[in-house]
Amino acid sequence: MILGVHHAAISTHDIERLIGFYTEVLGFELVHRQSWTADAEVQNALLGASGSAAQLAMLRHRNCYLELFQFEAPAPERRSPHQRLFGAGLTHLCLAVQDLDAEYERLRQKGVVFHSSPLPRPTFNAVYGHDPDGNVVELLELYDASHPFAAHWPVPE
């Protein structure tokens, strides 16, 4: 029986930079760190790899966990920033926010680059931006309980 989504994971070339961004800018809390070397049998079996070596950080914000990896082996591939949004596979991380306009402005002042300003619709407001690695981060504010995504998220009265 599936209970829900526990976490999403991002692979990076600079784990310290992403930890800083997600904790200091977006308010996540660092809850766990570990690393492993190429001879770590359990991690290699879990990843379906041999000789993997990496650092890992688990971050939490309320009920959302985000896992960050920095692989030393095998050598990680570089990806095009455009591939992240339009390619196959996971495309973005969506964060529920309250007062999207204020959060957008706060993050813009901290150097976050957005595709546009917030674009309000009748039941929600959203905007897409990027973390320091170019991963797409959506900010979503639901303000109408009739929106289909609002069933399990508090909407202001």
Protein backbone atom coordinates (compact mmCIF):
# COMPACT_ATOMS: atom_id res chain seq x y z
CA MET A 1 0.00 0.00 0.00
CA ILE A 2 1.47 3.33 -1.08
CA LEU A 3 1.10 6.03 1.59
CA GLY A 4 2.28 9.04 -0.41
CA VAL A 5 5.38 10.74 -1.78
CA HIS A 6 8.23 10.90 0.75
CA HIS A 7 10.93 12.81 -1.15
CA ALA A 8 12.36 13.91 -4.46
CA ALA A 9 16.09 13.86 -5.22
CA ILE A 10 18.43 16.18 -7.08
CA SER A 11 21.93 15.32 -8.25
CA THR A 12 24.35 18.24 -8.22
CA HIS A 13 27.98 19.09 -8.94
CA ASP A 14 28.11 21.29 -5.79
CA ILE A 15 26.19 19.90 -2.82
CA GLU A 16 27.26 22.67 -0.43
CA ARG A 17 25.87 25.35 -2.76
CA LEU A 18 22.52 23.56 -3.08
CA ILE A 19 22.30 22.88 0.66
CA GLY A 20 22.84 26.60 1.21
CA PHE A 21 20.18 27.57 -1.33
CA TYR A 22 17.50 25.19 -0.09
CA THR A 23 18.16 25.91 3.62
CA GLU A 24 19.06 29.61 3.66
CA VAL A 25 16.87 30.83 0.78
CA LEU A 26 13.92 28.41 0.73
CA GLY A 27 13.78 27.51 4.44
CA PHE A 28 14.48 23.77 4.33
CA GLU A 29 16.23 22.16 7.32
CA LEU A 30 19.25 19.86 6.94
CA VAL A 31 18.27 16.64 8.75
CA HIS A 32 20.86 14.08 7.61
CA ARG A 33 24.26 13.85 5.90
CA GLN A 34 26.23 10.84 4.79
CA SER A 35 28.72 9.73 2.19
CA TRP A 36 29.93 6.44 0.81
CA THR A 37 32.93 5.13 -1.05
CA ALA A 38 33.14 2.97 -4.17
CA ASP A 39 33.20 -0.26 -2.14
CA ALA A 40 29.83 0.38 -0.43
CA GLU A 41 27.93 -2.78 -1.40
CA VAL A 42 24.48 -1.68 -0.17
CA GLN A 43 24.50 1.68 -1.97
CA ASN A 44 25.84 0.11 -5.17
CA ALA A 45 23.15 -2.59 -5.09
CA LEU A 46 20.42 -0.04 -4.37
CA LEU A 47 21.55 2.20 -7.26
CA GLY A 48 22.17 -0.70 -9.64
CA ALA A 49 25.75 0.46 -10.07
CA SER A 50 29.25 -0.61 -9.21
CA GLY A 51 31.90 1.65 -7.81
CA SER A 52 29.61 4.55 -6.95
CA ALA A 53 30.82 7.13 -4.45
CA ALA A 54 28.82 10.12 -3.28
CA GLN A 55 27.81 12.62 -0.65
CA LEU A 56 24.15 12.78 0.35
CA ALA A 57 22.12 15.38 2.22
CA MET A 58 18.48 15.01 3.27
CA LEU A 59 16.54 18.25 3.74
CA ARG A 60 13.06 18.73 5.17
CA HIS A 61 10.42 21.44 5.01
CA ARG A 62 7.29 20.42 6.92
CA ASN A 63 6.15 17.16 5.30
CA CYS A 64 8.38 17.48 2.21
CA TYR A 65 11.82 15.88 2.05
CA LEU A 66 14.42 16.68 -0.59
CA GLU A 67 17.48 14.49 -1.09
CA LEU A 68 20.63 15.97 -2.63
CA PHE A 69 23.44 13.87 -4.12
CA GLN A 70 26.90 14.82 -5.28
CA PHE A 71 28.45 11.84 -7.07
CA GLU A 72 32.21 11.51 -7.30
CA ALA A 73 31.85 8.20 -9.20
CA PRO A 74 30.65 7.49 -11.73
CA ALA A 75 31.32 10.95 -13.15
CA PRO A 76 27.99 12.80 -13.38
CA GLU A 77 26.70 14.00 -16.74
CA ARG A 78 26.10 17.66 -17.49
CA ARG A 79 22.53 18.44 -18.57
CA SER A 80 21.14 21.30 -20.57
CA PRO A 81 18.93 23.63 -18.48
CA HIS A 82 16.29 23.38 -21.24
CA GLN A 83 16.26 19.58 -20.97
CA ARG A 84 15.15 19.82 -17.34
CA LEU A 85 11.79 21.36 -18.17
CA PHE A 86 11.06 19.96 -21.62
CA GLY A 87 12.85 16.58 -21.52
CA ALA A 88 11.45 13.28 -20.35
CA GLY A 89 11.62 12.49 -16.64
CA LEU A 90 11.05 14.63 -13.58
CA THR A 91 10.85 18.25 -14.68
CA HIS A 92 10.43 20.44 -11.60
CA LEU A 93 9.89 20.75 -7.87
CA CYS A 94 6.70 22.57 -6.83
CA LEU A 95 6.55 24.37 -3.48
CA ALA A 96 3.21 25.44 -2.01
CA VAL A 97 3.41 29.01 -0.73
CA GLN A 98 1.29 31.61 0.99
CA ASP A 99 1.42 35.17 -0.43
CA LEU A 100 3.15 34.25 -3.67
CA ASP A 101 3.79 37.87 -4.67
CA ALA A 102 5.76 38.52 -1.47
CA GLU A 103 7.67 35.23 -1.75
CA TYR A 104 8.47 35.93 -5.40
CA GLU A 105 9.86 39.34 -4.51
CA ARG A 106 11.86 37.99 -1.54
CA LEU A 107 13.45 35.27 -3.69
CA ARG A 108 14.08 37.66 -6.61
CA GLN A 109 15.96 39.94 -4.19
CA LYS A 110 18.10 36.91 -3.21
CA GLY A 111 19.04 36.35 -6.87
CA VAL A 112 16.58 33.65 -7.90
CA VAL A 113 15.92 33.91 -11.65
CA PHE A 114 12.28 33.43 -12.72
CA HIS A 115 10.79 32.84 -16.18
CA SER A 116 8.17 35.55 -15.58
CA SER A 117 6.43 37.42 -12.81
CA PRO A 118 3.61 35.52 -11.02
CA LEU A 119 0.69 34.80 -13.35
CA PRO A 120 -2.56 34.69 -11.34
CA ARG A 121 -5.50 32.60 -12.50
CA PRO A 122 -9.00 32.33 -10.98
CA THR A 123 -8.13 29.62 -8.41
CA PHE A 124 -4.33 29.80 -8.09
CA ASN A 125 -1.18 31.79 -8.77
CA ALA A 126 2.11 30.30 -9.96
CA VAL A 127 5.60 31.17 -11.16
CA TYR A 128 8.61 29.11 -12.29
CA GLY A 129 12.22 29.86 -11.33
CA HIS A 130 15.56 28.09 -11.00
CA ASP A 131 17.84 26.90 -8.21
CA PRO A 132 21.60 27.58 -8.58
CA ASP A 133 22.03 24.40 -10.67
CA GLY A 134 19.25 25.39 -13.08
CA ASN A 135 16.67 22.95 -11.68
CA VAL A 136 13.17 24.31 -12.13
CA VAL A 137 11.31 25.27 -8.93
CA GLU A 138 7.64 26.23 -9.14
CA LEU A 139 5.96 28.36 -6.48
CA LEU A 140 2.23 27.67 -6.24
CA GLU A 141 -0.39 29.53 -4.20
CA LEU A 142 -3.88 28.03 -4.10
CA TYR A 143 -6.57 30.49 -3.05
CA ASP A 144 -9.79 28.75 -3.97
CA ALA A 145 -10.90 25.52 -2.30
CA SER A 146 -12.62 24.48 -5.55
CA HIS A 147 -9.24 23.96 -7.26
CA PRO A 148 -8.64 20.20 -7.70
CA PHE A 149 -5.18 20.43 -6.07
CA ALA A 150 -6.59 22.10 -2.93
CA ALA A 151 -8.15 18.92 -1.47
CA HIS A 152 -5.21 18.28 0.91
CA TRP A 153 -3.76 21.77 1.26
CA PRO A 154 -5.16 24.58 3.41
CA VAL A 155 -6.68 27.40 1.39
CA PRO A 156 -7.29 30.78 3.10
CA GLU A 157 -10.98 31.44 3.90
